[in-house]
Amino acid sequence: MIQNTEELREFIIKCLEDKKAENISTIDLGDNNPLAKYLILASGRSVKNVSAIADFVSFEVKNNSNLNAGIEGLNNAEWVLVDFGDIIVHVFHPEARDHFKLEELWNKKR
């Protein structure tokens, strides 16, 4: 059973790797950010793949930690957000990730 935020972060990254997500990156927002402690970003190869990755991560985390995720964006699956509270996972179609450039946005804010 997952015990803390660091274990959850590592578990999510492993789930993303197991589902063959690409370009996985983590942004540490720090302990005092009201939004979350970590953002984890990853890409899928197609909208179907993006949806499958997000579903898989949500399912595996629920089964291993009893955390229910808030999920947004599954309908079109260009960009799916999976919210675990202290960790928010963004799974993108590559074109959407390139368009929104979240890594650049968050790196400018810090």
PDB file of N, CA and C in Angstrom:
ATOM      1  N   MET A   1       0.838  -1.185   0.000  1.00  0.00           N
ATOM      2  CA  MET A   1       0.000   0.000   0.000  1.00  0.00           C
ATOM      3  C   MET A   1       0.883   1.248   0.000  1.00  0.00           C
ATOM      4  N   ILE A   2       0.522   2.207  -0.814  1.00  0.00           N
ATOM      5  CA  ILE A   2       1.266   3.457  -0.924  1.00  0.00           C
ATOM      6  C   ILE A   2       1.047   4.279   0.347  1.00  0.00           C
ATOM      7  N   GLN A   3       2.148   4.762   0.936  1.00  0.00           N
ATOM      8  CA  GLN A   3       2.085   5.415   2.239  1.00  0.00           C
ATOM      9  C   GLN A   3       2.188   6.937   2.204  1.00  0.00           C
ATOM     10  N   ASN A   4       2.876   7.507   1.206  1.00  0.00           N
ATOM     11  CA  ASN A   4       3.089   8.948   1.221  1.00  0.00           C
ATOM     12  C   ASN A   4       3.194   9.499  -0.204  1.00  0.00           C
ATOM     13  N   THR A   5       3.342  10.808  -0.297  1.00  0.00           N
ATOM     14  CA  THR A   5       3.369  11.489  -1.592  1.00  0.00           C
ATOM     15  C   THR A   5       4.543  11.036  -2.455  1.00  0.00           C
ATOM     16  N   GLU A   6       5.701  10.822  -1.840  1.00  0.00           N
ATOM     17  CA  GLU A   6       6.873  10.402  -2.615  1.00  0.00           C
ATOM     18  C   GLU A   6       6.668   9.005  -3.209  1.00  0.00           C
ATOM     19  N   GLU A   7       6.115   8.098  -2.423  1.00  0.00           N
ATOM     20  CA  GLU A   7       5.820   6.754  -2.944  1.00  0.00           C
ATOM     21  C   GLU A   7       4.769   6.821  -4.044  1.00  0.00           C
ATOM     22  N   LEU A   8       3.773   7.683  -3.865  1.00  0.00           N
ATOM     23  CA  LEU A   8       2.736   7.840  -4.889  1.00  0.00           C
ATOM     24  C   LEU A   8       3.338   8.368  -6.187  1.00  0.00           C
ATOM     25  N   ARG A   9       4.216   9.356  -6.076  1.00  0.00           N
ATOM     26  CA  ARG A   9       4.877   9.913  -7.275  1.00  0.00           C
ATOM     27  C   ARG A   9       5.635   8.818  -8.019  1.00  0.00           C
ATOM     28  N   GLU A  10       6.418   8.032  -7.302  1.00  0.00           N
ATOM     29  CA  GLU A  10       7.184   6.958  -7.931  1.00  0.00           C
ATOM     30  C   GLU A  10       6.260   5.903  -8.545  1.00  0.00           C
ATOM     31  N   PHE A  11       5.177   5.588  -7.862  1.00  0.00           N
ATOM     32  CA  PHE A  11       4.222   4.602  -8.367  1.00  0.00           C
ATOM     33  C   PHE A  11       3.564   5.098  -9.656  1.00  0.00           C
ATOM     34  N   ILE A  12       3.165   6.364  -9.687  1.00  0.00           N
ATOM     35  CA  ILE A  12       2.548   6.932 -10.895  1.00  0.00           C
ATOM     36  C   ILE A  12       3.518   6.902 -12.059  1.00  0.00           C
ATOM     37  N   ILE A  13       4.757   7.263 -11.818  1.00  0.00           N
ATOM     38  CA  ILE A  13       5.764   7.241 -12.893  1.00  0.00           C
ATOM     39  C   ILE A  13       5.943   5.825 -13.410  1.00  0.00           C
ATOM     40  N   LYS A  14       5.977   4.841 -12.519  1.00  0.00           N
ATOM     41  CA  LYS A  14       6.090   3.439 -12.950  1.00  0.00           C
ATOM     42  C   LYS A  14       4.879   3.030 -13.789  1.00  0.00           C
ATOM     43  N   CYS A  15       3.685   3.440 -13.377  1.00  0.00           N
ATOM     44  CA  CYS A  15       2.475   3.132 -14.163  1.00  0.00           C
ATOM     45  C   CYS A  15       2.557   3.753 -15.554  1.00  0.00           C
ATOM     46  N   LEU A  16       3.021   4.983 -15.627  1.00  0.00           N
ATOM     47  CA  LEU A  16       3.167   5.648 -16.922  1.00  0.00           C
ATOM     48  C   LEU A  16       4.167   4.897 -17.795  1.00  0.00           C
ATOM     49  N   GLU A  17       5.273   4.496 -17.208  1.00  0.00           N
ATOM     50  CA  GLU A  17       6.282   3.733 -17.958  1.00  0.00           C
ATOM     51  C   GLU A  17       5.722   2.387 -18.402  1.00  0.00           C
ATOM     52  N   ASP A  18       4.984   1.712 -17.531  1.00  0.00           N
ATOM     53  CA  ASP A  18       4.396   0.411 -17.873  1.00  0.00           C
ATOM     54  C   ASP A  18       3.433   0.519 -19.043  1.00  0.00           C
ATOM     55  N   LYS A  19       2.739   1.648 -19.153  1.00  0.00           N
ATOM     56  CA  LYS A  19       1.753   1.851 -20.223  1.00  0.00           C
ATOM     57  C   LYS A  19       2.393   2.515 -21.443  1.00  0.00           C
ATOM     58  N   LYS A  20       3.720   2.613 -21.435  1.00  0.00           N
ATOM     59  CA  LYS A  20       4.502   3.154 -22.553  1.00  0.00           C
ATOM     60  C   LYS A  20       4.233   4.630 -22.843  1.00  0.00           C
ATOM     61  N   ALA A  21       3.935   5.400 -21.781  1.00  0.00           N
ATOM     62  CA  ALA A  21       3.825   6.849 -21.952  1.00  0.00           C
ATOM     63  C   ALA A  21       5.204   7.383 -22.339  1.00  0.00           C
ATOM     64  N   GLU A  22       5.201   8.467 -23.069  1.00  0.00           N
ATOM     65  CA  GLU A  22       6.451   9.050 -23.563  1.00  0.00           C
ATOM     66  C   GLU A  22       6.706  10.395 -22.889  1.00  0.00           C
ATOM     67  N   ASN A  23       7.964  10.829 -22.909  1.00  0.00           N
ATOM     68  CA  ASN A  23       8.345  12.162 -22.426  1.00  0.00           C
ATOM     69  C   ASN A  23       7.831  12.448 -21.019  1.00  0.00           C
ATOM     70  N   ILE A  24       8.043  11.543 -20.109  1.00  0.00           N
ATOM     71  CA  ILE A  24       7.565  11.714 -18.738  1.00  0.00           C
ATOM     72  C   ILE A  24       8.462  12.720 -18.018  1.00  0.00           C
ATOM     73  N   SER A  25       7.841  13.723 -17.419  1.00  0.00           N
ATOM     74  CA  SER A  25       8.615  14.693 -16.635  1.00  0.00           C
ATOM     75  C   SER A  25       7.839  15.055 -15.378  1.00  0.00           C
ATOM     76  N   THR A  26       8.585  15.472 -14.364  1.00  0.00           N
ATOM     77  CA  THR A  26       7.999  15.849 -13.086  1.00  0.00           C
ATOM     78  C   THR A  26       8.419  17.273 -12.756  1.00  0.00           C
ATOM     79  N   ILE A  27       7.456  18.057 -12.310  1.00  0.00           N
ATOM     80  CA  ILE A  27       7.732  19.414 -11.847  1.00  0.00           C
ATOM     81  C   ILE A  27       7.417  19.453 -10.361  1.00  0.00           C
ATOM     82  N   ASP A  28       8.419  19.764  -9.553  1.00  0.00           N
ATOM     83  CA  ASP A  28       8.248  19.885  -8.106  1.00  0.00           C
ATOM     84  C   ASP A  28       7.784  21.311  -7.813  1.00  0.00           C
ATOM     85  N   LEU A  29       6.545  21.441  -7.332  1.00  0.00           N
ATOM     86  CA  LEU A  29       5.980  22.759  -7.040  1.00  0.00           C
ATOM     87  C   LEU A  29       6.309  23.232  -5.638  1.00  0.00           C
ATOM     88  N   GLY A  30       6.899  22.364  -4.849  1.00  0.00           N
ATOM     89  CA  GLY A  30       7.263  22.721  -3.485  1.00  0.00           C
ATOM     90  C   GLY A  30       6.145  22.426  -2.501  1.00  0.00           C
ATOM     91  N   ASP A  31       6.486  22.483  -1.235  1.00  0.00           N
ATOM     92  CA  ASP A  31       5.534  22.134  -0.180  1.00  0.00           C
ATOM     93  C   ASP A  31       4.498  23.218   0.087  1.00  0.00           C
ATOM     94  N   ASN A  32       4.764  24.445  -0.305  1.00  0.00           N
ATOM     95  CA  ASN A  32       3.865  25.545   0.031  1.00  0.00           C
ATOM     96  C   ASN A  32       2.936  25.959  -1.097  1.00  0.00           C
ATOM     97  N   ASN A  33       2.886  25.189  -2.168  1.00  0.00           N
ATOM     98  CA  ASN A  33       2.003  25.516  -3.278  1.00  0.00           C
ATOM     99  C   ASN A  33       0.608  24.969  -2.986  1.00  0.00           C
ATOM    100  N   PRO A  34      -0.425  25.812  -3.027  1.00  0.00           N
ATOM    101  CA  PRO A  34      -1.773  25.331  -2.701  1.00  0.00           C
ATOM    102  C   PRO A  34      -2.362  24.408  -3.771  1.00  0.00           C
ATOM    103  N   LEU A  35      -1.816  24.420  -4.966  1.00  0.00           N
ATOM    104  CA  LEU A  35      -2.327  23.596  -6.053  1.00  0.00           C
ATOM    105  C   LEU A  35      -1.984  22.124  -5.858  1.00  0.00           C
ATOM    106  N   ALA A  36      -0.721  21.838  -5.681  1.00  0.00           N
ATOM    107  CA  ALA A  36      -0.229  20.459  -5.548  1.00  0.00           C
ATOM    108  C   ALA A  36       1.243  20.508  -5.189  1.00  0.00           C
ATOM    109  N   LYS A  37       1.807  19.351  -4.869  1.00  0.00           N
ATOM    110  CA  LYS A  37       3.249  19.254  -4.624  1.00  0.00           C
ATOM    111  C   LYS A  37       3.989  18.944  -5.923  1.00  0.00           C
ATOM    112  N   TYR A  38       3.382  18.078  -6.757  1.00  0.00           N
ATOM    113  CA  TYR A  38       4.018  17.683  -8.014  1.00  0.00           C
ATOM    114  C   TYR A  38       3.034  17.746  -9.167  1.00  0.00           C
ATOM    115  N   LEU A  39       3.560  18.119 -10.319  1.00  0.00           N
ATOM    116  CA  LEU A  39       2.884  17.904 -11.595  1.00  0.00           C
ATOM    117  C   LEU A  39       3.690  16.849 -12.320  1.00  0.00           C
ATOM    118  N   ILE A  40       3.015  15.862 -12.859  1.00  0.00           N
ATOM    119  CA  ILE A  40       3.677  14.861 -13.685  1.00  0.00           C
ATOM    120  C   ILE A  40       3.067  14.967 -15.068  1.00  0.00           C
ATOM    121  N   LEU A  41       3.912  15.133 -16.077  1.00  0.00           N
ATOM    122  CA  LEU A  41       3.461  15.276 -17.449  1.00  0.00           C
ATOM    123  C   LEU A  41       3.964  14.111 -18.280  1.00  0.00           C
ATOM    124  N   ALA A  42       3.116  13.654 -19.186  1.00  0.00           N
ATOM    125  CA  ALA A  42       3.481  12.547 -20.064  1.00  0.00           C
ATOM    126  C   ALA A  42       2.697  12.688 -21.363  1.00  0.00           C
ATOM    127  N   SER A  43       3.174  12.016 -22.379  1.00  0.00           N
ATOM    128  CA  SER A  43       2.496  12.026 -23.679  1.00  0.00           C
ATOM    129  C   SER A  43       2.118  10.616 -24.084  1.00  0.00           C
ATOM    130  N   GLY A  44       1.004  10.536 -24.805  1.00  0.00           N
ATOM    131  CA  GLY A  44       0.592   9.301 -25.449  1.00  0.00           C
ATOM    132  C   GLY A  44       0.785   9.455 -26.944  1.00  0.00           C
ATOM    133  N   ARG A  45       0.637   8.372 -27.666  1.00  0.00           N
ATOM    134  CA  ARG A  45       0.878   8.406 -29.104  1.00  0.00           C
ATOM    135  C   ARG A  45      -0.363   8.759 -29.917  1.00  0.00           C
ATOM    136  N   SER A  46      -1.542   8.628 -29.330  1.00  0.00           N
ATOM    137  CA  SER A  46      -2.807   8.922 -30.007  1.00  0.00           C
ATOM    138  C   SER A  46      -3.825   9.271 -28.938  1.00  0.00           C
ATOM    139  N   VAL A  47      -5.000   9.775 -29.347  1.00  0.00           N
ATOM    140  CA  VAL A  47      -6.009  10.110 -28.343  1.00  0.00           C
ATOM    141  C   VAL A  47      -6.481   8.856 -27.617  1.00  0.00           C
ATOM    142  N   LYS A  48      -6.556   7.745 -28.323  1.00  0.00           N
ATOM    143  CA  LYS A  48      -6.938   6.481 -27.681  1.00  0.00           C
ATOM    144  C   LYS A  48      -5.890   6.068 -26.646  1.00  0.00           C
ATOM    145  N   ASN A  49      -4.621   6.234 -26.979  1.00  0.00           N
ATOM    146  CA  ASN A  49      -3.531   5.906 -26.074  1.00  0.00           C
ATOM    147  C   ASN A  49      -3.515   6.837 -24.864  1.00  0.00           C
ATOM    148  N   VAL A  50      -3.757   8.132 -25.074  1.00  0.00           N
ATOM    149  CA  VAL A  50      -3.822   9.097 -23.978  1.00  0.00           C
ATOM    150  C   VAL A  50      -4.910   8.687 -22.996  1.00  0.00           C
ATOM    151  N   SER A  51      -6.075   8.346 -23.503  1.00  0.00           N
ATOM    152  CA  SER A  51      -7.192   7.918 -22.669  1.00  0.00           C
ATOM    153  C   SER A  51      -6.851   6.644 -21.895  1.00  0.00           C
ATOM    154  N   ALA A  52      -6.238   5.683 -22.573  1.00  0.00           N
ATOM    155  CA  ALA A  52      -5.869   4.410 -21.931  1.00  0.00           C
ATOM    156  C   ALA A  52      -4.837   4.626 -20.831  1.00  0.00           C
ATOM    157  N   ILE A  53      -3.877   5.492 -21.065  1.00  0.00           N
ATOM    158  CA  ILE A  53      -2.855   5.782 -20.050  1.00  0.00           C
ATOM    159  C   ILE A  53      -3.505   6.397 -18.807  1.00  0.00           C
ATOM    160  N   ALA A  54      -4.357   7.404 -19.007  1.00  0.00           N
ATOM    161  CA  ALA A  54      -5.012   8.076 -17.880  1.00  0.00           C
ATOM    162  C   ALA A  54      -5.888   7.101 -17.098  1.00  0.00           C
ATOM    163  N   ASP A  55      -6.656   6.275 -17.800  1.00  0.00           N
ATOM    164  CA  ASP A  55      -7.500   5.277 -17.135  1.00  0.00           C
ATOM    165  C   ASP A  55      -6.662   4.292 -16.323  1.00  0.00           C
ATOM    166  N   PHE A  56      -5.561   3.836 -16.909  1.00  0.00           N
ATOM    167  CA  PHE A  56      -4.689   2.866 -16.250  1.00  0.00           C
ATOM    168  C   PHE A  56      -4.096   3.439 -14.963  1.00  0.00           C
ATOM    169  N   VAL A  57      -3.578   4.653 -15.039  1.00  0.00           N
ATOM    170  CA  VAL A  57      -2.976   5.281 -13.861  1.00  0.00           C
ATOM    171  C   VAL A  57      -4.024   5.448 -12.758  1.00  0.00           C
ATOM    172  N   SER A  58      -5.194   5.938 -13.128  1.00  0.00           N
ATOM    173  CA  SER A  58      -6.265   6.124 -12.151  1.00  0.00           C
ATOM    174  C   SER A  58      -6.654   4.801 -11.489  1.00  0.00           C
ATOM    175  N   PHE A  59      -6.828   3.768 -12.281  1.00  0.00           N
ATOM    176  CA  PHE A  59      -7.213   2.446 -11.785  1.00  0.00           C
ATOM    177  C   PHE A  59      -6.153   1.867 -10.850  1.00  0.00           C
ATOM    178  N   GLU A  60      -4.892   1.924 -11.271  1.00  0.00           N
ATOM    179  CA  GLU A  60      -3.808   1.353 -10.474  1.00  0.00           C
ATOM    180  C   GLU A  60      -3.615   2.095  -9.149  1.00  0.00           C
ATOM    181  N   VAL A  61      -3.701   3.410  -9.183  1.00  0.00           N
ATOM    182  CA  VAL A  61      -3.555   4.172  -7.939  1.00  0.00           C
ATOM    183  C   VAL A  61      -4.701   3.853  -6.994  1.00  0.00           C
ATOM    184  N   LYS A  62      -5.921   3.781  -7.506  1.00  0.00           N
ATOM    185  CA  LYS A  62      -7.064   3.447  -6.652  1.00  0.00           C
ATOM    186  C   LYS A  62      -6.878   2.072  -6.015  1.00  0.00           C
ATOM    187  N   ASN A  63      -6.404   1.104  -6.782  1.00  0.00           N
ATOM    188  CA  ASN A  63      -6.216  -0.250  -6.259  1.00  0.00           C
ATOM    189  C   ASN A  63      -5.055  -0.374  -5.288  1.00  0.00           C
ATOM    190  N   ASN A  64      -4.098   0.538  -5.348  1.00  0.00           N
ATOM    191  CA  ASN A  64      -2.919   0.441  -4.494  1.00  0.00           C
ATOM    192  C   ASN A  64      -2.858   1.476  -3.381  1.00  0.00           C
ATOM    193  N   SER A  65      -3.827   2.406  -3.360  1.00  0.00           N
ATOM    194  CA  SER A  65      -3.788   3.427  -2.313  1.00  0.00           C
ATOM    195  C   SER A  65      -5.169   3.849  -1.831  1.00  0.00           C
ATOM    196  N   ASN A  66      -6.201   3.376  -2.482  1.00  0.00           N
ATOM    197  CA  ASN A  66      -7.583   3.778  -2.186  1.00  0.00           C
ATOM    198  C   ASN A  66      -7.837   5.261  -2.445  1.00  0.00           C
ATOM    199  N   LEU A  67      -7.008   5.914  -3.245  1.00  0.00           N
ATOM    200  CA  LEU A  67      -7.237   7.304  -3.632  1.00  0.00           C
ATOM    201  C   LEU A  67      -8.108   7.332  -4.887  1.00  0.00           C
ATOM    202  N   ASN A  68      -9.182   8.082  -4.830  1.00  0.00           N
ATOM    203  CA  ASN A  68      -9.990   8.297  -6.021  1.00  0.00           C
ATOM    204  C   ASN A  68      -9.485   9.536  -6.731  1.00  0.00           C
ATOM    205  N   ALA A  69      -9.380   9.461  -8.031  1.00  0.00           N
ATOM    206  CA  ALA A  69      -8.871  10.578  -8.812  1.00  0.00           C
ATOM    207  C   ALA A  69     -10.018  11.365  -9.421  1.00  0.00           C
ATOM    208  N   GLY A  70      -9.814  12.660  -9.512  1.00  0.00           N
ATOM    209  CA  GLY A  70     -10.680  13.485 -10.336  1.00  0.00           C
ATOM    210  C   GLY A  70     -10.082  13.474 -11.734  1.00  0.00           C
ATOM    211  N   ILE A  71     -10.892  13.175 -12.729  1.00  0.00           N
ATOM    212  CA  ILE A  71     -10.383  13.073 -14.103  1.00  0.00           C
ATOM    213  C   ILE A  71     -11.157  14.036 -14.989  1.00  0.00           C
ATOM    214  N   GLU A  72     -10.427  14.820 -15.761  1.00  0.00           N
ATOM    215  CA  GLU A  72     -11.012  15.753 -16.722  1.00  0.00           C
ATOM    216  C   GLU A  72     -10.380  15.532 -18.088  1.00  0.00           C
ATOM    217  N   GLY A  73     -11.183  15.620 -19.130  1.00  0.00           N
ATOM    218  CA  GLY A  73     -10.663  15.591 -20.489  1.00  0.00           C
ATOM    219  C   GLY A  73     -10.732  14.259 -21.203  1.00  0.00           C
ATOM    220  N   LEU A  74     -11.348  13.247 -20.600  1.00  0.00           N
ATOM    221  CA  LEU A  74     -11.406  11.933 -21.251  1.00  0.00           C
ATOM    222  C   LEU A  74     -12.248  11.938 -22.532  1.00  0.00           C
ATOM    223  N   ASN A  75     -13.197  12.855 -22.638  1.00  0.00           N
ATOM    224  CA  ASN A  75     -14.082  12.862 -23.805  1.00  0.00           C
ATOM    225  C   ASN A  75     -13.339  13.027 -25.122  1.00  0.00           C
ATOM    226  N   ASN A  76     -12.428  14.003 -25.186  1.00  0.00           N
ATOM    227  CA  ASN A  76     -11.683  14.163 -26.440  1.00  0.00           C
ATOM    228  C   ASN A  76     -10.254  13.654 -26.338  1.00  0.00           C
ATOM    229  N   ALA A  77      -9.747  13.501 -25.124  1.00  0.00           N
ATOM    230  CA  ALA A  77      -8.452  12.884 -24.819  1.00  0.00           C
ATOM    231  C   ALA A  77      -7.261  13.517 -25.537  1.00  0.00           C
ATOM    232  N   GLU A  78      -7.356  14.800 -25.817  1.00  0.00           N
ATOM    233  CA  GLU A  78      -6.186  15.532 -26.309  1.00  0.00           C
ATOM    234  C   GLU A  78      -5.270  15.861 -25.130  1.00  0.00           C
ATOM    235  N   TRP A  79      -5.921  16.139 -23.975  1.00  0.00           N
ATOM    236  CA  TRP A  79      -5.217  16.487 -22.744  1.00  0.00           C
ATOM    237  C   TRP A  79      -6.092  15.984 -21.606  1.00  0.00           C
ATOM    238  N   VAL A  80      -5.614  15.007 -20.876  1.00  0.00           N
ATOM    239  CA  VAL A  80      -6.370  14.451 -19.754  1.00  0.00           C
ATOM    240  C   VAL A  80      -5.633  14.800 -18.470  1.00  0.00           C
ATOM    241  N   LEU A  81      -6.376  15.349 -17.523  1.00  0.00           N
ATOM    242  CA  LEU A  81      -5.833  15.713 -16.219  1.00  0.00           C
ATOM    243  C   LEU A  81      -6.364  14.706 -15.210  1.00  0.00           C
ATOM    244  N   VAL A  82      -5.458  14.124 -14.428  1.00  0.00           N
ATOM    245  CA  VAL A  82      -5.817  13.169 -13.383  1.00  0.00           C
ATOM    246  C   VAL A  82      -5.312  13.755 -12.069  1.00  0.00           C
ATOM    247  N   ASP A  83      -6.250  14.111 -11.194  1.00  0.00           N
ATOM    248  CA  ASP A  83      -5.924  14.834  -9.966  1.00  0.00           C
ATOM    249  C   ASP A  83      -5.972  13.893  -8.766  1.00  0.00           C
ATOM    250  N   PHE A  84      -4.807  13.696  -8.137  1.00  0.00           N
ATOM    251  CA  PHE A  84      -4.698  12.886  -6.928  1.00  0.00           C
ATOM    252  C   PHE A  84      -4.463  13.747  -5.698  1.00  0.00           C
ATOM    253  N   GLY A  85      -4.790  15.008  -5.758  1.00  0.00           N
ATOM    254  CA  GLY A  85      -4.578  15.912  -4.621  1.00  0.00           C
ATOM    255  C   GLY A  85      -3.190  16.515  -4.656  1.00  0.00           C
ATOM    256  N   ASP A  86      -2.235  15.901  -3.969  1.00  0.00           N
ATOM    257  CA  ASP A  86      -0.865  16.417  -3.949  1.00  0.00           C
ATOM    258  C   ASP A  86      -0.123  16.199  -5.264  1.00  0.00           C
ATOM    259  N   ILE A  87      -0.669  15.364  -6.120  1.00  0.00           N
ATOM    260  CA  ILE A  87      -0.042  15.093  -7.416  1.00  0.00           C
ATOM    261  C   ILE A  87      -1.100  15.219  -8.505  1.00  0.00           C
ATOM    262  N   ILE A  88      -0.777  16.003  -9.515  1.00  0.00           N
ATOM    263  CA  ILE A  88      -1.653  16.155 -10.672  1.00  0.00           C
ATOM    264  C   ILE A  88      -0.911  15.623 -11.886  1.00  0.00           C
ATOM    265  N   VAL A  89      -1.546  14.689 -12.583  1.00  0.00           N
ATOM    266  CA  VAL A  89      -0.954  14.062 -13.756  1.00  0.00           C
ATOM    267  C   VAL A  89      -1.625  14.640 -15.000  1.00  0.00           C
ATOM    268  N   HIS A  90      -0.808  15.074 -15.941  1.00  0.00           N
ATOM    269  CA  HIS A  90      -1.300  15.569 -17.231  1.00  0.00           C
ATOM    270  C   HIS A  90      -0.819  14.592 -18.294  1.00  0.00           C
ATOM    271  N   VAL A  91      -1.758  14.022 -19.032  1.00  0.00           N
ATOM    272  CA  VAL A  91      -1.408  13.122 -20.132  1.00  0.00           C
ATOM    273  C   VAL A  91      -1.876  13.803 -21.415  1.00  0.00           C
ATOM    274  N   PHE A  92      -0.943  14.047 -22.315  1.00  0.00           N
ATOM    275  CA  PHE A  92      -1.206  14.823 -23.518  1.00  0.00           C
ATOM    276  C   PHE A  92      -1.061  14.010 -24.790  1.00  0.00           C
ATOM    277  N   HIS A  93      -1.818  14.401 -25.792  1.00  0.00           N
ATOM    278  CA  HIS A  93      -1.483  14.057 -27.164  1.00  0.00           C
ATOM    279  C   HIS A  93      -0.288  14.960 -27.489  1.00  0.00           C
ATOM    280  N   PRO A  94       0.717  14.484 -28.230  1.00  0.00           N
ATOM    281  CA  PRO A  94       1.925  15.288 -28.448  1.00  0.00           C
ATOM    282  C   PRO A  94       1.662  16.695 -28.995  1.00  0.00           C
ATOM    283  N   GLU A  95       0.696  16.839 -29.888  1.00  0.00           N
ATOM    284  CA  GLU A  95       0.415  18.167 -30.446  1.00  0.00           C
ATOM    285  C   GLU A  95      -0.145  19.112 -29.374  1.00  0.00           C
ATOM    286  N   ALA A  96      -0.987  18.600 -28.503  1.00  0.00           N
ATOM    287  CA  ALA A  96      -1.544  19.428 -27.427  1.00  0.00           C
ATOM    288  C   ALA A  96      -0.447  19.823 -26.440  1.00  0.00           C
ATOM    289  N   ARG A  97       0.439  18.891 -26.142  1.00  0.00           N
ATOM    290  CA  ARG A  97       1.532  19.205 -25.211  1.00  0.00           C
ATOM    291  C   ARG A  97       2.423  20.291 -25.781  1.00  0.00           C
ATOM    292  N   ASP A  98       2.708  20.198 -27.056  1.00  0.00           N
ATOM    293  CA  ASP A  98       3.537  21.207 -27.700  1.00  0.00           C
ATOM    294  C   ASP A  98       2.825  22.561 -27.736  1.00  0.00           C
ATOM    295  N   HIS A  99       1.525  22.540 -27.924  1.00  0.00           N
ATOM    296  CA  HIS A  99       0.753  23.776 -27.991  1.00  0.00           C
ATOM    297  C   HIS A  99       0.685  24.492 -26.634  1.00  0.00           C
ATOM    298  N   PHE A 100       0.383  23.761 -25.565  1.00  0.00           N
ATOM    299  CA  PHE A 100       0.184  24.378 -24.252  1.00  0.00           C
ATOM    300  C   PHE A 100       1.475  24.647 -23.486  1.00  0.00           C
ATOM    301  N   LYS A 101       2.526  23.889 -23.743  1.00  0.00           N
ATOM    302  CA  LYS A 101       3.856  24.133 -23.162  1.00  0.00           C
ATOM    303  C   LYS A 101       3.828  24.352 -21.642  1.00  0.00           C
ATOM    304  N   LEU A 102       3.204  23.428 -20.916  1.00  0.00           N
ATOM    305  CA  LEU A 102       3.102  23.576 -19.461  1.00  0.00           C
ATOM    306  C   LEU A 102       4.459  23.601 -18.764  1.00  0.00           C
ATOM    307  N   GLU A 103       5.404  22.809 -19.261  1.00  0.00           N
ATOM    308  CA  GLU A 103       6.728  22.826 -18.629  1.00  0.00           C
ATOM    309  C   GLU A 103       7.326  24.221 -18.672  1.00  0.00           C
ATOM    310  N   GLU A 104       7.233  24.888 -19.812  1.00  0.00           N
ATOM    311  CA  GLU A 104       7.774  26.241 -19.933  1.00  0.00           C
ATOM    312  C   GLU A 104       7.039  27.209 -19.016  1.00  0.00           C
ATOM    313  N   LEU A 105       5.733  27.089 -18.976  1.00  0.00           N
ATOM    314  CA  LEU A 105       4.923  27.967 -18.131  1.00  0.00           C
ATOM    315  C   LEU A 105       5.313  27.840 -16.665  1.00  0.00           C
ATOM    316  N   TRP A 106       5.405  26.622 -16.152  1.00  0.00           N
ATOM    317  CA  TRP A 106       5.730  26.417 -14.739  1.00  0.00           C
ATOM    318  C   TRP A 106       7.178  26.772 -14.441  1.00  0.00           C
ATOM    319  N   ASN A 107       8.084  26.531 -15.382  1.00  0.00           N
ATOM    320  CA  ASN A 107       9.478  26.900 -15.130  1.00  0.00           C
ATOM    321  C   ASN A 107       9.659  28.403 -15.079  1.00  0.00           C
ATOM    322  N   LYS A 108       8.850  29.155 -15.811  1.00  0.00           N
ATOM    323  CA  LYS A 108       8.903  30.628 -15.747  1.00  0.00           C
ATOM    324  C   LYS A 108       8.377  31.140 -14.417  1.00  0.00           C
ATOM    325  N   LYS A 109       7.404  30.446 -13.840  1.00  0.00           N
ATOM    326  CA  LYS A 109       6.790  30.882 -12.579  1.00  0.00           C
ATOM    327  C   LYS A 109       7.713  30.669 -11.386  1.00  0.00           C
ATOM    328  N   ARG A 110       8.696  29.788 -11.516  1.00  0.00           N
ATOM    329  CA  ARG A 110       9.551  29.488 -10.353  1.00  0.00           C
ATOM    330  C   ARG A 110      10.830  30.260 -10.406  1.00  0.00           C
TER     331      ARG A 110
END
